[in-house]
Protein backbone atom coordinates (compact mmCIF):
# COMPACT_ATOMS: atom_id res chain seq x y z
CA UNK A 1 -1.00 3.14 12.13
CA UNK A 2 0.49 3.85 15.59
CA UNK A 3 4.52 4.73 16.08
CA UNK A 4 6.05 2.78 19.43
CA UNK A 5 9.32 3.37 21.58
CA UNK A 6 10.20 -0.15 22.90
CA UNK A 7 12.88 -1.14 24.97
CA UNK A 8 15.17 -4.75 25.06
CA UNK A 9 18.01 -5.33 27.38
CA UNK A 10 18.99 -8.77 27.89
CA UNK A 11 15.93 -11.10 27.89
CA UNK A 12 13.81 -7.97 29.29
CA UNK A 13 11.86 -6.60 26.58
CA UNK A 14 8.68 -4.12 26.13
CA UNK A 15 6.97 -0.92 24.81
CA UNK A 16 7.42 2.10 26.42
CA UNK A 17 4.65 4.56 24.79
CA UNK A 18 2.28 4.72 21.92
CA UNK A 19 1.40 7.41 19.02
CA UNK A 20 -1.32 7.61 16.36
CA UNK A 21 0.11 8.34 13.23
CA UNK A 22 -2.30 10.87 11.57
CA UNK A 23 -1.65 10.71 7.62
CA UNK A 24 -2.00 13.93 5.73
CA UNK A 25 -5.14 13.38 4.04
CA UNK A 26 -6.63 13.04 7.42
CA UNK A 27 -5.30 16.34 8.75
CA UNK A 28 -6.65 18.63 6.06
CA UNK A 29 -10.07 17.28 6.82
CA UNK A 30 -10.58 18.47 10.24
CA UNK A 31 -14.19 17.55 9.58
CA UNK A 32 -13.44 13.79 9.09
CA UNK A 33 -11.02 14.34 12.19
CA UNK A 34 -13.76 15.66 14.17
CA UNK A 35 -16.60 12.54 13.70
CA UNK A 36 -13.50 10.18 14.35
CA UNK A 37 -12.94 12.41 17.86
CA UNK A 38 -9.47 13.57 17.12
CA UNK A 39 -8.98 16.63 18.87
CA UNK A 40 -7.57 20.16 16.42
CA UNK A 41 -4.17 19.69 18.29
CA UNK A 42 -3.65 16.41 17.11
CA UNK A 43 -1.90 17.30 13.86
CA UNK A 44 0.03 15.50 11.01
CA UNK A 45 3.82 14.78 11.85
CA UNK A 46 6.34 12.19 9.90
CA UNK A 47 6.92 9.01 12.06
CA UNK A 48 10.18 10.02 13.63
CA UNK A 49 9.09 13.09 14.72
CA UNK A 50 6.78 10.95 17.09
CA UNK A 51 9.34 8.88 17.95
CA UNK A 52 11.66 11.77 18.97
CA UNK A 53 9.11 12.92 20.88
CA UNK A 54 8.60 9.78 22.67
CA UNK A 55 12.48 9.59 23.02
CA UNK A 56 12.27 12.73 24.81
CA UNK A 57 9.53 11.82 27.11
CA UNK A 58 11.38 8.86 28.36
CA UNK A 59 14.10 10.77 29.25
CA UNK A 60 12.03 13.59 31.30
CA UNK A 61 10.77 10.54 32.87
CA UNK A 62 14.49 9.56 34.35
CA UNK A 63 14.63 6.65 31.35
CA UNK A 64 17.85 6.65 29.21
CA UNK A 65 19.14 4.27 26.40
CA UNK A 66 23.01 3.08 25.62
CA UNK A 67 21.70 2.73 21.88
CA UNK A 68 19.07 3.67 19.83
CA UNK A 69 18.16 1.01 16.48
CA UNK A 70 15.58 1.41 13.81
CA UNK A 71 14.17 0.39 10.48
CA UNK A 72 15.13 2.12 7.32
CA UNK A 73 11.80 3.99 7.67
CA UNK A 74 13.50 6.53 10.46
CA UNK A 75 17.57 6.09 9.24
CA UNK A 76 16.05 7.99 5.95
CA UNK A 77 15.35 10.96 8.30
CA UNK A 78 18.47 12.94 8.37
CA UNK A 79 16.94 15.54 10.56
CA UNK A 80 16.06 13.15 13.36
CA UNK A 81 20.06 11.74 13.21
CA UNK A 82 20.90 15.42 13.54
CA UNK A 83 19.16 15.81 16.71
CA UNK A 84 20.32 12.38 18.06
CA UNK A 85 23.79 13.59 17.24
CA UNK A 86 23.49 17.02 19.03
CA UNK A 87 21.59 14.59 22.16
CA UNK A 88 24.60 12.58 21.71
CA UNK A 89 22.28 9.42 21.76
CA UNK A 90 24.47 6.53 20.28
CA UNK A 91 22.45 4.75 17.53
CA UNK A 92 23.02 2.27 14.39
CA UNK A 93 20.07 2.80 12.21
CA UNK A 94 19.07 0.69 8.73
CA UNK A 95 19.21 3.38 5.95
CA UNK A 96 18.02 3.00 2.25
CA UNK A 97 20.53 2.49 -0.26
CA UNK A 98 20.04 5.73 -1.93
CA UNK A 99 21.03 7.27 1.14
CA UNK A 100 23.15 10.66 0.51
CA UNK A 101 26.36 10.37 2.03
CA UNK A 102 29.48 12.69 1.58
CA UNK A 103 33.34 11.36 1.91
CA UNK A 104 34.13 14.72 3.40
CA UNK A 105 32.26 17.54 5.31
CA UNK A 106 31.31 19.89 2.42
CA UNK A 107 31.83 17.30 -0.28
CA UNK A 108 30.23 16.25 -2.86
CA UNK A 109 27.28 13.57 -2.13
CA UNK A 110 26.58 10.05 -3.43
CA UNK A 111 24.48 7.23 -2.93
CA UNK A 112 25.30 4.59 0.41
CA UNK A 113 25.46 1.52 -2.27
CA UNK A 114 28.00 3.55 -4.21
CA UNK A 115 30.22 4.74 -1.75
CA UNK A 116 30.36 0.81 -0.33
CA UNK A 117 29.04 -1.88 -3.16
CA UNK A 118 28.23 -5.22 -1.97
CA UNK A 119 31.40 -6.41 -3.49
CA UNK A 120 32.85 -4.45 -0.43
CA UNK A 121 30.67 -6.90 1.65
CA UNK A 122 31.88 -10.29 0.03
CA UNK A 123 35.67 -9.33 0.61
CA UNK A 124 34.66 -7.83 4.34
CA UNK A 125 34.98 -9.38 7.64
CA UNK A 126 32.90 -11.98 8.97
CA UNK A 127 30.84 -12.00 11.73
CA UNK A 128 28.58 -14.72 13.10
CA UNK A 129 25.45 -13.39 15.04
CA UNK A 130 23.37 -15.75 17.57
CA UNK A 131 19.51 -15.61 18.00
CA UNK A 132 17.24 -17.39 20.70
CA UNK A 133 14.95 -19.25 18.54
CA UNK A 134 16.70 -19.48 14.91
CA UNK A 135 19.99 -20.77 14.28
CA UNK A 136 22.87 -18.04 14.00
CA UNK A 137 23.30 -16.01 10.88
CA UNK A 138 26.88 -15.13 9.28
CA UNK A 139 27.34 -11.77 7.59
CA UNK A 140 30.25 -10.19 5.91
CA UNK A 141 30.93 -6.70 6.89
CA UNK A 142 32.83 -3.42 5.33
CA UNK A 143 32.69 -0.04 6.71
CA UNK A 144 33.57 3.61 5.50
CA UNK A 145 33.91 6.82 7.26
CA UNK A 146 31.19 9.33 5.90
CA UNK A 147 29.56 12.53 6.80
CA UNK A 148 26.09 12.84 6.79
CA UNK A 149 24.76 16.91 7.73
CA UNK A 150 28.48 17.99 8.51
CA UNK A 151 28.91 14.86 11.16
CA UNK A 152 31.22 11.92 11.17
CA UNK A 153 29.49 8.75 10.62
CA UNK A 154 30.30 4.98 9.94
CA UNK A 155 29.08 3.34 6.89
CA UNK A 156 28.55 -0.24 7.33
CA UNK A 157 27.50 -2.48 4.27
CA UNK A 158 26.64 -6.24 5.66
CA UNK A 159 25.77 -9.43 3.27
CA UNK A 160 24.68 -12.70 4.43
CA UNK A 161 26.32 -15.74 3.75
CA UNK A 162 22.99 -17.63 3.26
CA UNK A 163 20.61 -15.62 1.54
CA UNK A 164 22.42 -12.58 -0.22
CA UNK A 165 20.47 -10.13 1.64
CA UNK A 166 22.24 -6.81 1.86
CA UNK A 167 21.63 -4.30 4.41
CA UNK A 168 23.38 -0.69 4.92
CA UNK A 169 23.98 0.65 8.24
CA UNK A 170 24.89 4.20 9.67
CA UNK A 171 25.95 4.98 13.09
CA UNK A 172 27.39 8.09 14.79
CA UNK A 173 29.48 5.72 17.33
CA UNK A 174 32.30 5.56 14.84
CA UNK A 175 34.84 4.68 17.85
CA UNK A 176 32.86 1.41 18.76
CA UNK A 177 33.85 -2.44 17.17
CA UNK A 178 32.45 -3.27 14.59
CA UNK A 179 31.37 -6.28 15.92
CA UNK A 180 29.02 -4.15 18.66
CA UNK A 181 27.47 -1.71 16.15
CA UNK A 182 26.50 -5.29 13.99
CA UNK A 183 25.47 -6.46 16.99
CA UNK A 184 23.40 -3.44 17.77
CA UNK A 185 21.91 -2.96 14.56
CA UNK A 186 20.46 -6.90 14.62
CA UNK A 187 19.26 -6.35 18.17
CA UNK A 188 16.07 -4.86 16.60
CA UNK A 189 14.76 -8.21 15.84
CA UNK A 190 14.11 -8.88 19.34
CA UNK A 191 11.77 -5.72 19.04
CA UNK A 192 10.16 -7.01 15.88
CA UNK A 193 9.52 -10.20 17.82
CA UNK A 194 8.10 -8.14 20.86
CA UNK A 195 5.27 -6.73 18.27
CA UNK A 196 4.61 -10.04 17.42
CA UNK A 197 4.00 -11.04 21.20
CA UNK A 198 1.86 -7.84 21.60
CA UNK A 199 -0.31 -8.49 19.05
CA UNK A 200 -0.84 -12.34 19.80
CA UNK A 201 -0.52 -12.18 23.76
CA UNK A 202 -2.24 -8.54 24.68
CA UNK A 203 -4.68 -7.64 21.83
CA UNK A 204 -2.34 -4.56 20.37
CA UNK A 205 -3.89 -4.57 17.17
CA UNK A 206 -7.23 -5.58 17.85
CA UNK A 207 -8.73 -2.80 18.16
CA UNK A 208 -11.93 -2.21 16.12
CA UNK A 209 -13.57 1.23 17.32
CA UNK A 210 -13.80 4.30 15.40
CA UNK A 211 -12.98 6.87 18.08
CA UNK A 212 -9.77 8.15 18.82
CA UNK A 213 -10.43 8.45 22.40
CA UNK A 214 -11.31 4.65 22.49
CA UNK A 215 -7.79 3.98 20.41
CA UNK A 216 -5.36 5.96 23.02
CA UNK A 217 -7.11 3.86 25.72
CA UNK A 218 -6.62 0.98 24.12
CA UNK A 219 -3.16 1.36 23.32
CA UNK A 220 -2.44 2.89 26.87
CA UNK A 221 -3.81 -0.11 28.17
CA UNK A 222 -2.03 -2.62 25.77
CA UNK A 223 1.56 -1.04 27.11
CA UNK A 224 1.18 -0.91 30.36
CA UNK A 225 -0.63 -4.92 30.22
CA UNK A 226 2.58 -5.45 28.34
CA UNK A 227 5.11 -3.74 30.96
CA UNK A 228 3.74 -5.46 33.34
CA UNK A 229 3.85 -8.87 32.04
CA UNK A 230 7.58 -8.15 30.93
CA UNK A 231 8.41 -7.02 34.53
CA UNK A 232 7.18 -10.19 36.33
CA UNK A 233 8.44 -12.27 33.66
CA UNK A 234 11.57 -11.31 34.28
CA UNK A 235 11.53 -11.30 38.33
CA UNK A 236 10.25 -14.97 37.90
CA UNK A 237 12.45 -16.22 35.11
CA UNK A 238 13.40 -19.66 36.32
CA UNK A 239 11.92 -19.51 39.62
CA UNK A 240 9.55 -22.60 40.35
CA UNK A 241 6.09 -20.86 41.79
CA UNK A 242 5.57 -21.30 45.51
CA UNK A 243 3.07 -23.61 47.13
CA UNK A 244 2.10 -25.22 43.69
CA UNK A 245 2.96 -28.86 43.77
CA UNK A 246 2.47 -29.40 39.85
CA UNK A 247 4.88 -26.41 38.77
CA UNK A 248 7.04 -27.51 35.76
CA UNK A 249 4.91 -30.93 35.38
CA UNK A 250 2.85 -31.09 32.17
CA UNK A 251 -0.76 -32.12 33.12
CA UNK A 252 -0.31 -31.94 36.90
CA UNK A 253 -2.66 -29.51 38.54
CA UNK A 254 -3.22 -29.54 42.44
CA UNK A 255 -6.49 -30.84 43.58
CA UNK A 256 -9.30 -28.93 44.57
CA UNK A 257 -9.25 -29.69 48.62
CA UNK A 258 -12.55 -27.76 49.42
CA UNK A 259 -15.53 -27.20 47.07
CA UNK A 260 -16.97 -23.87 46.55
CA UNK A 261 -19.64 -22.97 49.55
CA UNK A 262 -23.24 -22.87 48.83
CA UNK A 263 -24.70 -19.81 47.64
CA UNK A 264 -26.33 -17.44 50.58
CA UNK A 265 -29.92 -17.86 49.23
CA UNK A 266 -30.21 -21.28 47.82
CA UNK A 267 -29.19 -23.51 50.44
CA UNK A 268 -32.38 -25.65 50.26
CA UNK A 269 -31.60 -26.52 46.81
CA UNK A 270 -29.84 -29.49 46.06
CA UNK A 271 -27.84 -28.30 43.20
CA UNK A 272 -25.91 -25.67 45.69
CA UNK A 273 -25.18 -28.33 48.39
CA UNK A 274 -21.79 -28.94 49.66
CA UNK A 275 -19.81 -31.75 48.27
CA UNK A 276 -22.63 -32.13 45.87
CA UNK A 277 -21.32 -33.16 42.39
CA UNK A 278 -22.19 -31.58 39.01
CA UNK A 279 -25.12 -33.27 37.25
CA UNK A 280 -24.09 -35.39 34.32
CA UNK A 281 -26.24 -32.99 31.86
CA UNK A 282 -24.06 -29.99 32.92
CA UNK A 283 -20.62 -31.62 32.23
CA UNK A 284 -21.89 -32.99 29.11
CA UNK A 285 -23.09 -29.64 28.08
CA UNK A 286 -19.67 -28.16 29.16
CA UNK A 287 -16.72 -26.87 26.59
CA UNK A 288 -13.20 -26.44 27.57
CA UNK A 289 -12.08 -23.01 27.68
CA UNK A 290 -9.07 -21.95 25.21
């Protein structure tokens, strides 16, 4: 299991970092870790701590974020939310329904779904969210000011008109319009799409080794390749490749104007003569590459 920080802005999206999540059962079994090549310095940390370390590394390298968004696995981690608030980092995180909130600083706590119910969402304001690959979705949203770890936040409940699905979000950007907060919250869809692309096109999850060093090398290469492809896709988006007569035409392919030169040590053999066609037997044995 791995933890990643990704970035999305406009049509650009990629992963920035990767770490191995080491379960507690592995951490206490150091012999098992040694057999897998896991250094003694690699210990169990909750996923939110790994994500926070990646955020700090990104900041050290000059990468800052307008917003952070994450699922309820990270949204439930109050220490993460506290640190982000101290850093002044705006976030919108999905939270579980039993997340504890307060109506005032120092007041009694109660569940998020008690402070804002599905009924509040049904009577809430309507917002329409567009997505690149699917039809727009309509959500009804209600909000309330709450306190978490002695800091002021906005609690938001959203109900999907078509499916009845209900989601809870928490943000420290209390002065931002609800429409913006909602758009940021659902921007995580693009990151989920990015993970599917990374798994299918870059082979992110195709590692089958048993060694920590090999795994980290695989993760590093996958992130580098994905970043390279993302950067060049953005640069070439909408452009027609130069010196390519068939660009943009399905099935079009430029003709090969000059055959491959003969191999140096086989000039006398007829198979290697220039302009010699491929023998029929070789053609029949060939298979297309997919």
